[in-house]
Amino acid sequence: MWGDFSAAEMQRELLNAKGQNVSVLLNSPGGDAFEGIAIFNLLRAYEGLVNMRVLGLAASAASIIAMAGDTIEMAEASTMMIHSAWGVVMGNKKDMLQFAELLDKLDSALADVYSRRTGQAFDAVVEMMEK
């Protein structure tokens, strides 16, 4: 969360794994969406199998990382939380509108991942994210 584990660290770990199957144990409240997307993409591109196991919590950006597994297992009593993207911006109305557009694009990209990985309809996923 917030820099505890980065895409650069994930890349190093995957290089060290040398194509062997890997297990990712996930317990995170999330963090930066773009860092989570980068970790997701590294895991999806990895040549070995990625077994994802959510031990306690996969929330926010961590829920996107969870979607990278070839297998995704939720441990007993674990939780996954998804939501619409959010952030903080300062500036004038143009800055605010541009940021709203960025959040809208991000929501669409995330909903697409959730939809493809879970088999849920895109619109249903958007509704879940908004709730």
Protein backbone atom coordinates (compact mmCIF):
# COMPACT_ATOMS: atom_id res chain seq x y z
CA MET A 1 0.00 0.00 0.00
CA TRP A 2 1.25 3.43 -0.89
CA GLY A 3 4.65 2.28 -2.00
CA ASP A 4 5.19 -0.81 0.18
CA PHE A 5 5.58 -2.98 -2.95
CA SER A 6 6.19 -1.58 -6.41
CA ALA A 7 5.99 -2.76 -10.00
CA ALA A 8 9.79 -2.54 -10.13
CA GLU A 9 10.01 -4.97 -7.21
CA MET A 10 7.51 -7.28 -8.89
CA GLN A 11 9.56 -7.21 -12.08
CA ARG A 12 12.70 -8.19 -10.13
CA GLU A 13 10.86 -11.03 -8.40
CA LEU A 14 9.50 -12.36 -11.69
CA LEU A 15 12.94 -12.19 -13.32
CA ASN A 16 14.32 -14.20 -10.39
CA ALA A 17 11.55 -16.79 -10.82
CA LYS A 18 12.86 -17.49 -14.37
CA GLY A 19 9.54 -18.65 -15.82
CA GLN A 20 8.73 -21.10 -13.05
CA ASN A 21 5.20 -21.13 -11.70
CA VAL A 22 4.71 -18.56 -8.93
CA SER A 23 2.28 -18.13 -6.08
CA VAL A 24 1.33 -14.63 -5.00
CA LEU A 25 0.00 -14.28 -1.47
CA LEU A 26 -2.03 -11.09 -1.34
CA ASN A 27 -3.21 -9.14 1.68
CA SER A 28 -3.45 -5.44 0.91
CA PRO A 29 -5.76 -2.46 1.34
CA GLY A 30 -4.56 -1.23 -2.06
CA GLY A 31 -2.73 1.87 -3.13
CA ASP A 32 -1.96 3.69 -6.35
CA ALA A 33 -4.17 2.45 -9.20
CA PHE A 34 -1.51 2.86 -11.87
CA GLU A 35 1.07 0.96 -9.83
CA GLY A 36 -1.51 -1.79 -9.35
CA ILE A 37 -2.19 -1.87 -13.09
CA ALA A 38 1.54 -2.11 -13.78
CA ILE A 39 1.86 -5.06 -11.38
CA PHE A 40 -1.22 -6.67 -12.98
CA ASN A 41 0.34 -6.33 -16.45
CA LEU A 42 3.69 -7.74 -15.31
CA LEU A 43 1.95 -10.76 -13.82
CA ARG A 44 -0.28 -11.29 -16.87
CA ALA A 45 2.76 -11.19 -19.18
CA TYR A 46 4.77 -13.62 -17.05
CA GLU A 47 5.55 -16.88 -18.87
CA GLY A 48 4.91 -19.18 -15.91
CA LEU A 49 1.60 -19.82 -14.21
CA VAL A 50 0.56 -17.26 -11.62
CA ASN A 51 -1.43 -18.65 -8.72
CA MET A 52 -3.08 -15.83 -6.77
CA ARG A 53 -4.25 -16.38 -3.22
CA VAL A 54 -6.02 -13.63 -1.31
CA LEU A 55 -5.21 -14.30 2.33
CA GLY A 56 -7.21 -11.53 3.99
CA LEU A 57 -7.92 -8.48 1.86
CA ALA A 58 -7.55 -7.48 -1.76
CA ALA A 59 -9.00 -3.99 -1.84
CA SER A 60 -8.83 -1.18 -4.35
CA ALA A 61 -5.64 -1.47 -6.46
CA ALA A 62 -4.90 -4.84 -4.85
CA SER A 63 -8.13 -6.20 -6.34
CA ILE A 64 -6.75 -5.46 -9.81
CA ILE A 65 -3.53 -7.27 -8.90
CA ALA A 66 -5.67 -10.23 -7.80
CA MET A 67 -7.20 -10.37 -11.28
CA ALA A 68 -3.76 -11.22 -12.72
CA GLY A 69 -3.77 -14.80 -11.48
CA ASP A 70 -4.19 -17.74 -13.81
CA THR A 71 -5.92 -19.09 -10.75
CA ILE A 72 -7.50 -16.85 -8.12
CA GLU A 73 -8.30 -18.27 -4.72
CA MET A 74 -10.01 -16.49 -1.88
CA ALA A 75 -8.95 -17.89 1.49
CA GLU A 76 -11.59 -18.50 4.11
CA ALA A 77 -13.16 -15.26 5.38
CA SER A 78 -11.09 -13.14 2.98
CA THR A 79 -12.52 -10.09 1.22
CA MET A 80 -12.16 -8.41 -2.15
CA MET A 81 -13.27 -4.81 -2.51
CA ILE A 82 -13.67 -2.89 -5.75
CA HIS A 83 -14.67 0.73 -6.25
CA SER A 84 -14.66 3.54 -8.75
CA ALA A 85 -11.34 5.32 -9.09
CA TRP A 86 -10.81 8.38 -6.94
CA GLY A 87 -8.11 10.87 -6.25
CA VAL A 88 -7.28 14.39 -5.26
CA VAL A 89 -6.69 17.28 -7.63
CA MET A 90 -6.06 20.95 -7.13
CA GLY A 91 -6.52 23.60 -9.73
CA ASN A 92 -9.10 25.35 -11.81
CA LYS A 93 -12.22 23.98 -13.48
CA LYS A 94 -10.22 22.81 -16.50
CA ASP A 95 -7.96 20.78 -14.21
CA MET A 96 -11.00 19.30 -12.47
CA LEU A 97 -12.67 18.35 -15.75
CA GLN A 98 -9.47 16.77 -17.06
CA PHE A 99 -9.13 14.76 -13.87
CA ALA A 100 -12.76 13.64 -14.12
CA GLU A 101 -12.04 12.42 -17.66
CA LEU A 102 -9.00 10.51 -16.41
CA LEU A 103 -11.06 8.88 -13.65
CA ASP A 104 -13.74 7.94 -16.17
CA LYS A 105 -11.16 6.27 -18.46
CA LEU A 106 -9.61 4.50 -15.50
CA ASP A 107 -13.00 3.23 -14.30
CA SER A 108 -13.73 1.86 -17.76
CA ALA A 109 -10.35 0.11 -17.99
CA LEU A 110 -10.71 -1.41 -14.52
CA ALA A 111 -14.29 -2.52 -15.16
CA ASP A 112 -13.12 -4.20 -18.36
CA VAL A 113 -10.50 -6.19 -16.43
CA TYR A 114 -12.98 -7.21 -13.73
CA SER A 115 -15.56 -8.13 -16.36
CA ARG A 116 -13.19 -10.27 -18.43
CA ARG A 117 -11.65 -12.03 -15.43
CA THR A 118 -14.92 -12.74 -13.58
CA GLY A 119 -17.30 -13.30 -16.49
CA GLN A 120 -19.63 -10.64 -15.10
CA ALA A 121 -21.26 -8.22 -17.54
CA PHE A 122 -19.38 -4.93 -17.94
CA ASP A 123 -22.40 -2.84 -16.88
CA ALA A 124 -22.94 -5.01 -13.80
CA VAL A 125 -19.30 -4.52 -12.80
CA VAL A 126 -19.59 -0.73 -13.26
CA GLU A 127 -22.66 -0.78 -11.01
CA MET A 128 -20.77 -2.77 -8.35
CA MET A 129 -17.84 -0.34 -8.54
CA GLU A 130 -20.16 2.64 -8.09
CA LYS A 131 -21.79 1.08 -5.03
